[in-house]
Amino acid sequence: MAVLVRLENEMPPVLIPPYSLGADTPVAEVMQAACDFFRQDPATATLWNMVTGAPVPVEGTLADHGLGDWSALTLGLPPGQPYRRTSFG
């Protein structure tokens, strides 16, 4: 059981730790985990269903919004705030 999240305009989606996220997980917890992974502010980011393109409200669990294990989500960034990759080498 896990949740896949990709950063807006970035590919491919990645498994977000903790890997125990599933249908009964609150959306707020998924949002926090995704923002921690991509180093974003949860107050300004949004979650979108990658398949339908519909926004996922932070209230309730993933199952409340028709999502389950291995859900594919997109973490949207606020306008004007591009994601800066850090590369080493």
PDB file of N, CA and C in Angstrom:
ATOM      1  N   MET A   1       0.844  -1.172   0.000  1.00  0.00           N
ATOM      2  CA  MET A   1       0.000   0.000   0.000  1.00  0.00           C
ATOM      3  C   MET A   1       0.886   1.230   0.000  1.00  0.00           C
ATOM      4  N   ALA A   2       0.620   2.109  -0.932  1.00  0.00           N
ATOM      5  CA  ALA A   2       1.409   3.319  -1.039  1.00  0.00           C
ATOM      6  C   ALA A   2       0.650   4.337  -1.875  1.00  0.00           C
ATOM      7  N   VAL A   3       1.187   5.536  -1.933  1.00  0.00           N
ATOM      8  CA  VAL A   3       0.614   6.602  -2.738  1.00  0.00           C
ATOM      9  C   VAL A   3       1.714   7.153  -3.648  1.00  0.00           C
ATOM     10  N   LEU A   4       1.385   7.314  -4.927  1.00  0.00           N
ATOM     11  CA  LEU A   4       2.309   7.894  -5.900  1.00  0.00           C
ATOM     12  C   LEU A   4       2.016   9.387  -6.019  1.00  0.00           C
ATOM     13  N   VAL A   5       3.041  10.204  -5.982  1.00  0.00           N
ATOM     14  CA  VAL A   5       2.866  11.645  -6.137  1.00  0.00           C
ATOM     15  C   VAL A   5       3.938  12.149  -7.086  1.00  0.00           C
ATOM     16  N   ARG A   6       3.519  13.018  -7.989  1.00  0.00           N
ATOM     17  CA  ARG A   6       4.495  13.693  -8.837  1.00  0.00           C
ATOM     18  C   ARG A   6       4.359  15.182  -8.590  1.00  0.00           C
ATOM     19  N   LEU A   7       5.434  15.885  -8.772  1.00  0.00           N
ATOM     20  CA  LEU A   7       5.407  17.325  -8.650  1.00  0.00           C
ATOM     21  C   LEU A   7       4.891  17.888  -9.961  1.00  0.00           C
ATOM     22  N   GLU A   8       4.091  18.920  -9.896  1.00  0.00           N
ATOM     23  CA  GLU A   8       3.513  19.530 -11.094  1.00  0.00           C
ATOM     24  C   GLU A   8       4.601  19.813 -12.122  1.00  0.00           C
ATOM     25  N   ASN A   9       4.364  19.392 -13.352  1.00  0.00           N
ATOM     26  CA  ASN A   9       5.269  19.570 -14.489  1.00  0.00           C
ATOM     27  C   ASN A   9       6.555  18.771 -14.364  1.00  0.00           C
ATOM     28  N   GLU A  10       6.597  17.822 -13.496  1.00  0.00           N
ATOM     29  CA  GLU A  10       7.760  16.952 -13.343  1.00  0.00           C
ATOM     30  C   GLU A  10       7.302  15.513 -13.524  1.00  0.00           C
ATOM     31  N   MET A  11       8.140  14.679 -14.056  1.00  0.00           N
ATOM     32  CA  MET A  11       7.828  13.259 -14.198  1.00  0.00           C
ATOM     33  C   MET A  11       9.043  12.489 -13.759  1.00  0.00           C
ATOM     34  N   PRO A  12       8.974  11.314 -13.373  1.00  0.00           N
ATOM     35  CA  PRO A  12       7.819  10.462 -13.152  1.00  0.00           C
ATOM     36  C   PRO A  12       7.310  10.605 -11.726  1.00  0.00           C
ATOM     37  N   PRO A  13       6.160  10.019 -11.419  1.00  0.00           N
ATOM     38  CA  PRO A  13       5.686  10.024 -10.032  1.00  0.00           C
ATOM     39  C   PRO A  13       6.568   9.127  -9.172  1.00  0.00           C
ATOM     40  N   VAL A  14       6.627   9.442  -7.892  1.00  0.00           N
ATOM     41  CA  VAL A  14       7.449   8.672  -6.958  1.00  0.00           C
ATOM     42  C   VAL A  14       6.592   8.190  -5.790  1.00  0.00           C
ATOM     43  N   LEU A  15       7.030   7.123  -5.155  1.00  0.00           N
ATOM     44  CA  LEU A  15       6.380   6.646  -3.939  1.00  0.00           C
ATOM     45  C   LEU A  15       6.764   7.574  -2.806  1.00  0.00           C
ATOM     46  N   ILE A  16       5.774   8.044  -2.080  1.00  0.00           N
ATOM     47  CA  ILE A  16       6.019   8.982  -0.990  1.00  0.00           C
ATOM     48  C   ILE A  16       6.112   8.211   0.330  1.00  0.00           C
ATOM     49  N   PRO A  17       7.220   8.415   1.058  1.00  0.00           N
ATOM     50  CA  PRO A  17       7.275   7.794   2.393  1.00  0.00           C
ATOM     51  C   PRO A  17       6.385   8.553   3.355  1.00  0.00           C
ATOM     52  N   PRO A  18       5.818   7.965   4.370  1.00  0.00           N
ATOM     53  CA  PRO A  18       5.950   6.557   4.726  1.00  0.00           C
ATOM     54  C   PRO A  18       5.155   5.688   3.763  1.00  0.00           C
ATOM     55  N   TYR A  19       5.634   4.508   3.532  1.00  0.00           N
ATOM     56  CA  TYR A  19       5.046   3.642   2.520  1.00  0.00           C
ATOM     57  C   TYR A  19       3.784   2.938   3.000  1.00  0.00           C
ATOM     58  N   SER A  20       3.286   3.315   4.156  1.00  0.00           N
ATOM     59  CA  SER A  20       2.050   2.734   4.682  1.00  0.00           C
ATOM     60  C   SER A  20       0.830   3.591   4.355  1.00  0.00           C
ATOM     61  N   LEU A  21       0.994   4.651   3.545  1.00  0.00           N
ATOM     62  CA  LEU A  21      -0.135   5.495   3.174  1.00  0.00           C
ATOM     63  C   LEU A  21      -1.103   4.680   2.327  1.00  0.00           C
ATOM     64  N   GLY A  22      -2.400   4.843   2.577  1.00  0.00           N
ATOM     65  CA  GLY A  22      -3.395   4.093   1.824  1.00  0.00           C
ATOM     66  C   GLY A  22      -4.733   4.789   1.837  1.00  0.00           C
ATOM     67  N   ALA A  23      -5.779   4.062   1.501  1.00  0.00           N
ATOM     68  CA  ALA A  23      -7.116   4.627   1.361  1.00  0.00           C
ATOM     69  C   ALA A  23      -7.648   5.234   2.653  1.00  0.00           C
ATOM     70  N   ASP A  24      -7.270   4.693   3.796  1.00  0.00           N
ATOM     71  CA  ASP A  24      -7.776   5.203   5.071  1.00  0.00           C
ATOM     72  C   ASP A  24      -6.920   6.338   5.646  1.00  0.00           C
ATOM     73  N   THR A  25      -5.927   6.799   4.908  1.00  0.00           N
ATOM     74  CA  THR A  25      -5.047   7.880   5.360  1.00  0.00           C
ATOM     75  C   THR A  25      -5.725   9.230   5.141  1.00  0.00           C
ATOM     76  N   PRO A  26      -5.679  10.119   6.122  1.00  0.00           N
ATOM     77  CA  PRO A  26      -6.218  11.470   5.917  1.00  0.00           C
ATOM     78  C   PRO A  26      -5.450  12.195   4.811  1.00  0.00           C
ATOM     79  N   VAL A  27      -6.173  12.956   4.004  1.00  0.00           N
ATOM     80  CA  VAL A  27      -5.555  13.691   2.905  1.00  0.00           C
ATOM     81  C   VAL A  27      -4.525  14.686   3.451  1.00  0.00           C
ATOM     82  N   ALA A  28      -4.787  15.261   4.613  1.00  0.00           N
ATOM     83  CA  ALA A  28      -3.836  16.209   5.206  1.00  0.00           C
ATOM     84  C   ALA A  28      -2.490  15.535   5.478  1.00  0.00           C
ATOM     85  N   GLU A  29      -2.508  14.260   5.878  1.00  0.00           N
ATOM     86  CA  GLU A  29      -1.262  13.526   6.117  1.00  0.00           C
ATOM     87  C   GLU A  29      -0.521  13.256   4.812  1.00  0.00           C
ATOM     88  N   VAL A  30      -1.256  12.933   3.759  1.00  0.00           N
ATOM     89  CA  VAL A  30      -0.644  12.725   2.443  1.00  0.00           C
ATOM     90  C   VAL A  30      -0.038  14.039   1.951  1.00  0.00           C
ATOM     91  N   MET A  31      -0.771  15.143   2.133  1.00  0.00           N
ATOM     92  CA  MET A  31      -0.274  16.459   1.732  1.00  0.00           C
ATOM     93  C   MET A  31       1.026  16.788   2.463  1.00  0.00           C
ATOM     94  N   GLN A  32       1.058  16.550   3.774  1.00  0.00           N
ATOM     95  CA  GLN A  32       2.256  16.840   4.557  1.00  0.00           C
ATOM     96  C   GLN A  32       3.429  15.976   4.108  1.00  0.00           C
ATOM     97  N   ALA A  33       3.177  14.691   3.853  1.00  0.00           N
ATOM     98  CA  ALA A  33       4.242  13.789   3.409  1.00  0.00           C
ATOM     99  C   ALA A  33       4.790  14.211   2.046  1.00  0.00           C
ATOM    100  N   ALA A  34       3.893  14.588   1.124  1.00  0.00           N
ATOM    101  CA  ALA A  34       4.328  15.026  -0.205  1.00  0.00           C
ATOM    102  C   ALA A  34       5.118  16.335  -0.121  1.00  0.00           C
ATOM    103  N   CYS A  35       4.650  17.264   0.694  1.00  0.00           N
ATOM    104  CA  CYS A  35       5.348  18.542   0.844  1.00  0.00           C
ATOM    105  C   CYS A  35       6.704  18.352   1.518  1.00  0.00           C
ATOM    106  N   ASP A  36       6.787  17.461   2.475  1.00  0.00           N
ATOM    107  CA  ASP A  36       8.076  17.164   3.102  1.00  0.00           C
ATOM    108  C   ASP A  36       9.044  16.573   2.082  1.00  0.00           C
ATOM    109  N   PHE A  37       8.547  15.665   1.243  1.00  0.00           N
ATOM    110  CA  PHE A  37       9.402  15.009   0.252  1.00  0.00           C
ATOM    111  C   PHE A  37       9.921  16.007  -0.784  1.00  0.00           C
ATOM    112  N   PHE A  38       9.031  16.880  -1.275  1.00  0.00           N
ATOM    113  CA  PHE A  38       9.414  17.833  -2.318  1.00  0.00           C
ATOM    114  C   PHE A  38       9.830  19.199  -1.767  1.00  0.00           C
ATOM    115  N   ARG A  39       9.894  19.322  -0.439  1.00  0.00           N
ATOM    116  CA  ARG A  39      10.305  20.559   0.238  1.00  0.00           C
ATOM    117  C   ARG A  39       9.437  21.752  -0.194  1.00  0.00           C
ATOM    118  N   GLN A  40       8.147  21.579  -0.030  1.00  0.00           N
ATOM    119  CA  GLN A  40       7.182  22.619  -0.361  1.00  0.00           C
ATOM    120  C   GLN A  40       6.384  22.993   0.879  1.00  0.00           C
ATOM    121  N   ASP A  41       5.704  24.126   0.809  1.00  0.00           N
ATOM    122  CA  ASP A  41       4.887  24.597   1.923  1.00  0.00           C
ATOM    123  C   ASP A  41       3.472  24.050   1.765  1.00  0.00           C
ATOM    124  N   PRO A  42       2.983  23.261   2.727  1.00  0.00           N
ATOM    125  CA  PRO A  42       1.638  22.705   2.595  1.00  0.00           C
ATOM    126  C   PRO A  42       0.539  23.756   2.602  1.00  0.00           C
ATOM    127  N   ALA A  43       0.821  24.945   3.112  1.00  0.00           N
ATOM    128  CA  ALA A  43      -0.194  26.006   3.140  1.00  0.00           C
ATOM    129  C   ALA A  43      -0.464  26.571   1.748  1.00  0.00           C
ATOM    130  N   THR A  44       0.497  26.450   0.830  1.00  0.00           N
ATOM    131  CA  THR A  44       0.325  27.022  -0.506  1.00  0.00           C
ATOM    132  C   THR A  44       0.205  25.969  -1.605  1.00  0.00           C
ATOM    133  N   ALA A  45       0.486  24.710  -1.292  1.00  0.00           N
ATOM    134  CA  ALA A  45       0.421  23.641  -2.297  1.00  0.00           C
ATOM    135  C   ALA A  45      -0.996  23.064  -2.372  1.00  0.00           C
ATOM    136  N   THR A  46      -1.286  22.379  -3.461  1.00  0.00           N
ATOM    137  CA  THR A  46      -2.570  21.713  -3.655  1.00  0.00           C
ATOM    138  C   THR A  46      -2.334  20.296  -4.173  1.00  0.00           C
ATOM    139  N   LEU A  47      -3.264  19.409  -3.891  1.00  0.00           N
ATOM    140  CA  LEU A  47      -3.202  18.049  -4.421  1.00  0.00           C
ATOM    141  C   LEU A  47      -4.262  17.885  -5.503  1.00  0.00           C
ATOM    142  N   TRP A  48      -3.892  17.214  -6.580  1.00  0.00           N
ATOM    143  CA  TRP A  48      -4.789  16.945  -7.698  1.00  0.00           C
ATOM    144  C   TRP A  48      -4.777  15.459  -7.995  1.00  0.00           C
ATOM    145  N   ASN A  49      -5.919  14.935  -8.403  1.00  0.00           N
ATOM    146  CA  ASN A  49      -6.009  13.560  -8.867  1.00  0.00           C
ATOM    147  C   ASN A  49      -5.335  13.509 -10.232  1.00  0.00           C
ATOM    148  N   MET A  50      -4.289  12.698 -10.374  1.00  0.00           N
ATOM    149  CA  MET A  50      -3.518  12.673 -11.617  1.00  0.00           C
ATOM    150  C   MET A  50      -4.338  12.111 -12.779  1.00  0.00           C
ATOM    151  N   VAL A  51      -5.290  11.246 -12.496  1.00  0.00           N
ATOM    152  CA  VAL A  51      -6.075  10.611 -13.550  1.00  0.00           C
ATOM    153  C   VAL A  51      -7.181  11.537 -14.053  1.00  0.00           C
ATOM    154  N   THR A  52      -7.953  12.129 -13.144  1.00  0.00           N
ATOM    155  CA  THR A  52      -9.092  12.944 -13.546  1.00  0.00           C
ATOM    156  C   THR A  52      -8.778  14.436 -13.618  1.00  0.00           C
ATOM    157  N   GLY A  53      -7.715  14.864 -12.957  1.00  0.00           N
ATOM    158  CA  GLY A  53      -7.378  16.286 -12.928  1.00  0.00           C
ATOM    159  C   GLY A  53      -8.187  17.085 -11.924  1.00  0.00           C
ATOM    160  N   ALA A  54      -8.992  16.409 -11.116  1.00  0.00           N
ATOM    161  CA  ALA A  54      -9.831  17.091 -10.123  1.00  0.00           C
ATOM    162  C   ALA A  54      -9.014  17.388  -8.859  1.00  0.00           C
ATOM    163  N   PRO A  55      -9.269  18.534  -8.223  1.00  0.00           N
ATOM    164  CA  PRO A  55      -8.575  18.823  -6.971  1.00  0.00           C
ATOM    165  C   PRO A  55      -9.027  17.873  -5.866  1.00  0.00           C
ATOM    166  N   VAL A  56      -8.117  17.552  -4.962  1.00  0.00           N
ATOM    167  CA  VAL A  56      -8.424  16.677  -3.828  1.00  0.00           C
ATOM    168  C   VAL A  56      -8.465  17.554  -2.581  1.00  0.00           C
ATOM    169  N   PRO A  57      -9.653  17.776  -2.002  1.00  0.00           N
ATOM    170  CA  PRO A  57      -9.744  18.599  -0.791  1.00  0.00           C
ATOM    171  C   PRO A  57      -8.971  17.963   0.362  1.00  0.00           C
ATOM    172  N   VAL A  58      -8.454  18.787   1.246  1.00  0.00           N
ATOM    173  CA  VAL A  58      -7.626  18.318   2.357  1.00  0.00           C
ATOM    174  C   VAL A  58      -8.469  17.646   3.444  1.00  0.00           C
ATOM    175  N   GLU A  59      -9.759  17.901   3.472  1.00  0.00           N
ATOM    176  CA  GLU A  59     -10.627  17.305   4.488  1.00  0.00           C
ATOM    177  C   GLU A  59     -10.908  15.849   4.154  1.00  0.00           C
ATOM    178  N   GLY A  60     -10.985  15.015   5.179  1.00  0.00           N
ATOM    179  CA  GLY A  60     -11.358  13.615   5.003  1.00  0.00           C
ATOM    180  C   GLY A  60     -10.177  12.730   4.646  1.00  0.00           C
ATOM    181  N   THR A  61     -10.503  11.484   4.287  1.00  0.00           N
ATOM    182  CA  THR A  61      -9.484  10.506   3.907  1.00  0.00           C
ATOM    183  C   THR A  61      -9.456  10.358   2.392  1.00  0.00           C
ATOM    184  N   LEU A  62      -8.466   9.636   1.898  1.00  0.00           N
ATOM    185  CA  LEU A  62      -8.399   9.386   0.454  1.00  0.00           C
ATOM    186  C   LEU A  62      -9.636   8.632  -0.020  1.00  0.00           C
ATOM    187  N   ALA A  63     -10.114   7.676   0.775  1.00  0.00           N
ATOM    188  CA  ALA A  63     -11.298   6.894   0.404  1.00  0.00           C
ATOM    189  C   ALA A  63     -12.537   7.780   0.287  1.00  0.00           C
ATOM    190  N   ASP A  64     -12.626   8.834   1.095  1.00  0.00           N
ATOM    191  CA  ASP A  64     -13.760   9.763   1.015  1.00  0.00           C
ATOM    192  C   ASP A  64     -13.830  10.458  -0.338  1.00  0.00           C
ATOM    193  N   HIS A  65     -12.699  10.537  -1.027  1.00  0.00           N
ATOM    194  CA  HIS A  65     -12.632  11.222  -2.321  1.00  0.00           C
ATOM    195  C   HIS A  65     -12.483  10.234  -3.477  1.00  0.00           C
ATOM    196  N   GLY A  66     -12.779   8.960  -3.209  1.00  0.00           N
ATOM    197  CA  GLY A  66     -12.745   7.950  -4.261  1.00  0.00           C
ATOM    198  C   GLY A  66     -11.352   7.455  -4.608  1.00  0.00           C
ATOM    199  N   LEU A  67     -10.393   7.687  -3.735  1.00  0.00           N
ATOM    200  CA  LEU A  67      -9.018   7.257  -3.984  1.00  0.00           C
ATOM    201  C   LEU A  67      -8.667   6.121  -3.047  1.00  0.00           C
ATOM    202  N   GLY A  68      -7.773   5.263  -3.471  1.00  0.00           N
ATOM    203  CA  GLY A  68      -7.390   4.125  -2.640  1.00  0.00           C
ATOM    204  C   GLY A  68      -5.892   3.923  -2.632  1.00  0.00           C
ATOM    205  N   ASP A  69      -5.502   2.683  -2.353  1.00  0.00           N
ATOM    206  CA  ASP A  69      -4.092   2.344  -2.369  1.00  0.00           C
ATOM    207  C   ASP A  69      -3.543   2.516  -3.783  1.00  0.00           C
ATOM    208  N   TRP A  70      -2.314   2.931  -3.876  1.00  0.00           N
ATOM    209  CA  TRP A  70      -1.636   3.188  -5.141  1.00  0.00           C
ATOM    210  C   TRP A  70      -2.307   4.317  -5.924  1.00  0.00           C
ATOM    211  N   SER A  71      -2.864   5.270  -5.213  1.00  0.00           N
ATOM    212  CA  SER A  71      -3.442   6.442  -5.862  1.00  0.00           C
ATOM    213  C   SER A  71      -2.338   7.257  -6.516  1.00  0.00           C
ATOM    214  N   ALA A  72      -2.662   7.898  -7.612  1.00  0.00           N
ATOM    215  CA  ALA A  72      -1.717   8.751  -8.326  1.00  0.00           C
ATOM    216  C   ALA A  72      -2.168  10.202  -8.167  1.00  0.00           C
ATOM    217  N   LEU A  73      -1.339  11.001  -7.517  1.00  0.00           N
ATOM    218  CA  LEU A  73      -1.666  12.395  -7.233  1.00  0.00           C
ATOM    219  C   LEU A  73      -0.599  13.317  -7.793  1.00  0.00           C
ATOM    220  N   THR A  74      -0.984  14.564  -8.020  1.00  0.00           N
ATOM    221  CA  THR A  74      -0.057  15.608  -8.443  1.00  0.00           C
ATOM    222  C   THR A  74      -0.024  16.673  -7.368  1.00  0.00           C
ATOM    223  N   LEU A  75       1.171  17.086  -6.959  1.00  0.00           N
ATOM    224  CA  LEU A  75       1.328  18.181  -6.004  1.00  0.00           C
ATOM    225  C   LEU A  75       1.495  19.459  -6.803  1.00  0.00           C
ATOM    226  N   GLY A  76       0.481  20.321  -6.732  1.00  0.00           N
ATOM    227  CA  GLY A  76       0.510  21.580  -7.466  1.00  0.00           C
ATOM    228  C   GLY A  76       1.217  22.671  -6.678  1.00  0.00           C
ATOM    229  N   LEU A  77       1.976  23.476  -7.387  1.00  0.00           N
ATOM    230  CA  LEU A  77       2.695  24.592  -6.777  1.00  0.00           C
ATOM    231  C   LEU A  77       1.944  25.882  -7.007  1.00  0.00           C
ATOM    232  N   PRO A  78       2.127  26.870  -6.138  1.00  0.00           N
ATOM    233  CA  PRO A  78       1.478  28.163  -6.364  1.00  0.00           C
ATOM    234  C   PRO A  78       2.050  28.832  -7.611  1.00  0.00           C
ATOM    235  N   PRO A  79       1.253  29.648  -8.288  1.00  0.00           N
ATOM    236  CA  PRO A  79       1.745  30.329  -9.486  1.00  0.00           C
ATOM    237  C   PRO A  79       2.963  31.188  -9.163  1.00  0.00           C
ATOM    238  N   GLY A  80       3.922  31.179 -10.067  1.00  0.00           N
ATOM    239  CA  GLY A  80       5.108  32.004  -9.895  1.00  0.00           C
ATOM    240  C   GLY A  80       6.156  31.410  -8.988  1.00  0.00           C
ATOM    241  N   GLN A  81       5.960  30.173  -8.537  1.00  0.00           N
ATOM    242  CA  GLN A  81       6.947  29.533  -7.676  1.00  0.00           C
ATOM    243  C   GLN A  81       7.429  28.250  -8.347  1.00  0.00           C
ATOM    244  N   PRO A  82       8.418  28.354  -9.230  1.00  0.00           N
ATOM    245  CA  PRO A  82       8.893  27.150  -9.904  1.00  0.00           C
ATOM    246  C   PRO A  82       9.669  26.252  -8.950  1.00  0.00           C
ATOM    247  N   TYR A  83       9.682  24.979  -9.282  1.00  0.00           N
ATOM    248  CA  TYR A  83      10.449  24.018  -8.494  1.00  0.00           C
ATOM    249  C   TYR A  83      11.889  24.071  -8.971  1.00  0.00           C
ATOM    250  N   ARG A  84      12.810  24.194  -8.038  1.00  0.00           N
ATOM    251  CA  ARG A  84      14.236  24.228  -8.395  1.00  0.00           C
ATOM    252  C   ARG A  84      14.870  22.913  -8.001  1.00  0.00           C
ATOM    253  N   ARG A  85      15.352  22.212  -9.005  1.00  0.00           N
ATOM    254  CA  ARG A  85      16.025  20.950  -8.749  1.00  0.00           C
ATOM    255  C   ARG A  85      17.410  21.210  -8.195  1.00  0.00           C
ATOM    256  N   THR A  86      17.833  20.355  -7.326  1.00  0.00           N
ATOM    257  CA  THR A  86      19.192  20.422  -6.811  1.00  0.00           C
ATOM    258  C   THR A  86      19.951  19.231  -7.367  1.00  0.00           C
ATOM    259  N   SER A  87      21.021  19.500  -8.064  1.00  0.00           N
ATOM    260  CA  SER A  87      21.815  18.404  -8.602  1.00  0.00           C
ATOM    261  C   SER A  87      23.206  18.489  -8.000  1.00  0.00           C
ATOM    262  N   PHE A  88      23.793  17.347  -7.854  1.00  0.00           N
ATOM    263  CA  PHE A  88      25.117  17.273  -7.283  1.00  0.00           C
ATOM    264  C   PHE A  88      26.051  16.682  -8.337  1.00  0.00           C
ATOM    265  N   GLY A  89      27.224  17.213  -8.417  1.00  0.00           N
ATOM    266  CA  GLY A  89      28.183  16.629  -9.348  1.00  0.00           C
ATOM    267  C   GLY A  89      28.805  17.655 -10.133  1.00  0.00           C
TER     268      GLY A  89
END
